[in-house]
Amino acid sequence: MARKESSKAANGLADIIVPARQGYFVRTARAVYALVFLLPIIILYEVLVFLVNPQLLSQPVSNVRGAVVSFIWVQNFLHYLGMDMKSAWLFAPAVVIIILLVLQFASRQSWKVRPGDFPVMVCECMIFAIPLVIFSLVLNRAPSQQQPAVGNFDTVITCGSTILAEVGTDSPGTSEESRTGRTVGNRQEIYIGLLTGIGAGIYEELIFRLILIGLSMIFFETILGVRHIRAVVISVIISSVLFSLHHHFVFLNGQFARTAEVLTMTRFTFRTVAGVFFAIIFAVRGFGITAGAHAFYDIIATLLNAWLFGQC
C-alpha cells in the first residue's frame, strides 16, 4: 500500500515536472522560436534600409542611413569571404538565420512551434524594455544648471550604434522655412531612430551576446580552464563594456573611427548596465526574446524622445 502511494506521488510529481519542461518559457527559449519570431523583423529591416537608401549599392557604407554598425560588420565579413557588396547586403540576414538553424540542429530539440506563443513573446519583450526606459530616465536626469549632452536623443538613451549623426541636426534658424526644415528633419530623425532600433535589436545582440559571449566562454572556460561562474561573469562584463563603447568608437574598413555621439559617463554607464541586463535575458530567455527586448527598448526610447520631450 505504501509503495502504491509512493508510486502515485512520484507519478503526480512527474506530471507536474514534465509539462513544466515543455512549458512556454522552455519552448520559447529554443532557437527555432527565435528564428520564427525574428524572421519578419529581419526581412523588414533589410527592406526598410533599402527604401531609406535607394542608392544603397552605389553609396559608400558611411552614407547608409539606418544601418547599425553591427549590421555593417556582418556585411563586411561576407565581403571578406568573397561576396560583392550587393550580395553581402542581401545575404547579411542569412547569417542570423544560419546561426539559429545550426543552434537548433545542435540542440536536438523539437522543431514544433505554437503560433499562440508569439503574441505573448511580443508582450514579454515590451515588459523587459520598461525597466531600461525607467533606468535611463532616472540616470539621465541632469541637474538644472547642467547643459544637456550633445546628441539627438538625450532624455532617453538609445542602444543602437550608427556611423553618421542623424539627419536634421543643422544649426537652428529663425525663418519659417528653417523651422519647417527642422520639423521635416526631426521627423526623418525619428524614422531613422526607429529603423536603427530594429537593426540594433537583431545585429547587436547577435554580435555582443550570441557570438561574443559564446566565444568568450569558450576562451576562458574551455581553453584557459577558468571556472564556469567566473568565466560567465568575465564574459558578460567584457561583452557589456564593448557593447557600450561601440556606440562611440567603431572599427570599420581596417581602422578605428568615432561615431557622432559624444561619450559621457552617463551614456557609458547606462549602456554597460543595459549590456548586463540583455546578457541576463539572453541566458534565461534565449536570443529571440533578447533581440526583441532590445529592439522594443530603442523603439520606445525614440518615440518617448519624440512625443514627450518635443524632439519632433
Foldseek 3Di string as FASTA:
>chain_A
DVVVVVVVVVVVVCVVVVVVCVDLLNVCQALLNLCVLCVVLLVVLLVVQCVVPVVVLVDDPQPRFLAFQLLVVQLVVVVVVPDDSVVSSVCSSVVSVVVSVVRNVVVPDDNDDDVVSNVVLLVLLLVLLVVLQVVQQVLLDDPPVDDFFDAQFRNGDAQTAGAEGQFLPDDQDDDPVSVVSSVVSLVSSLVSLLSRLSNCLQRVCVPLAVPQLVVQQCCVCVVVNDDNVVSNVVSLQVSQQVSQCCSAWPADPRRIDGGPGDDDPSSSVSSSVVSSSLNVCCVRRNSNSSSSNSSSNSNVSSVCCVPVVPSD
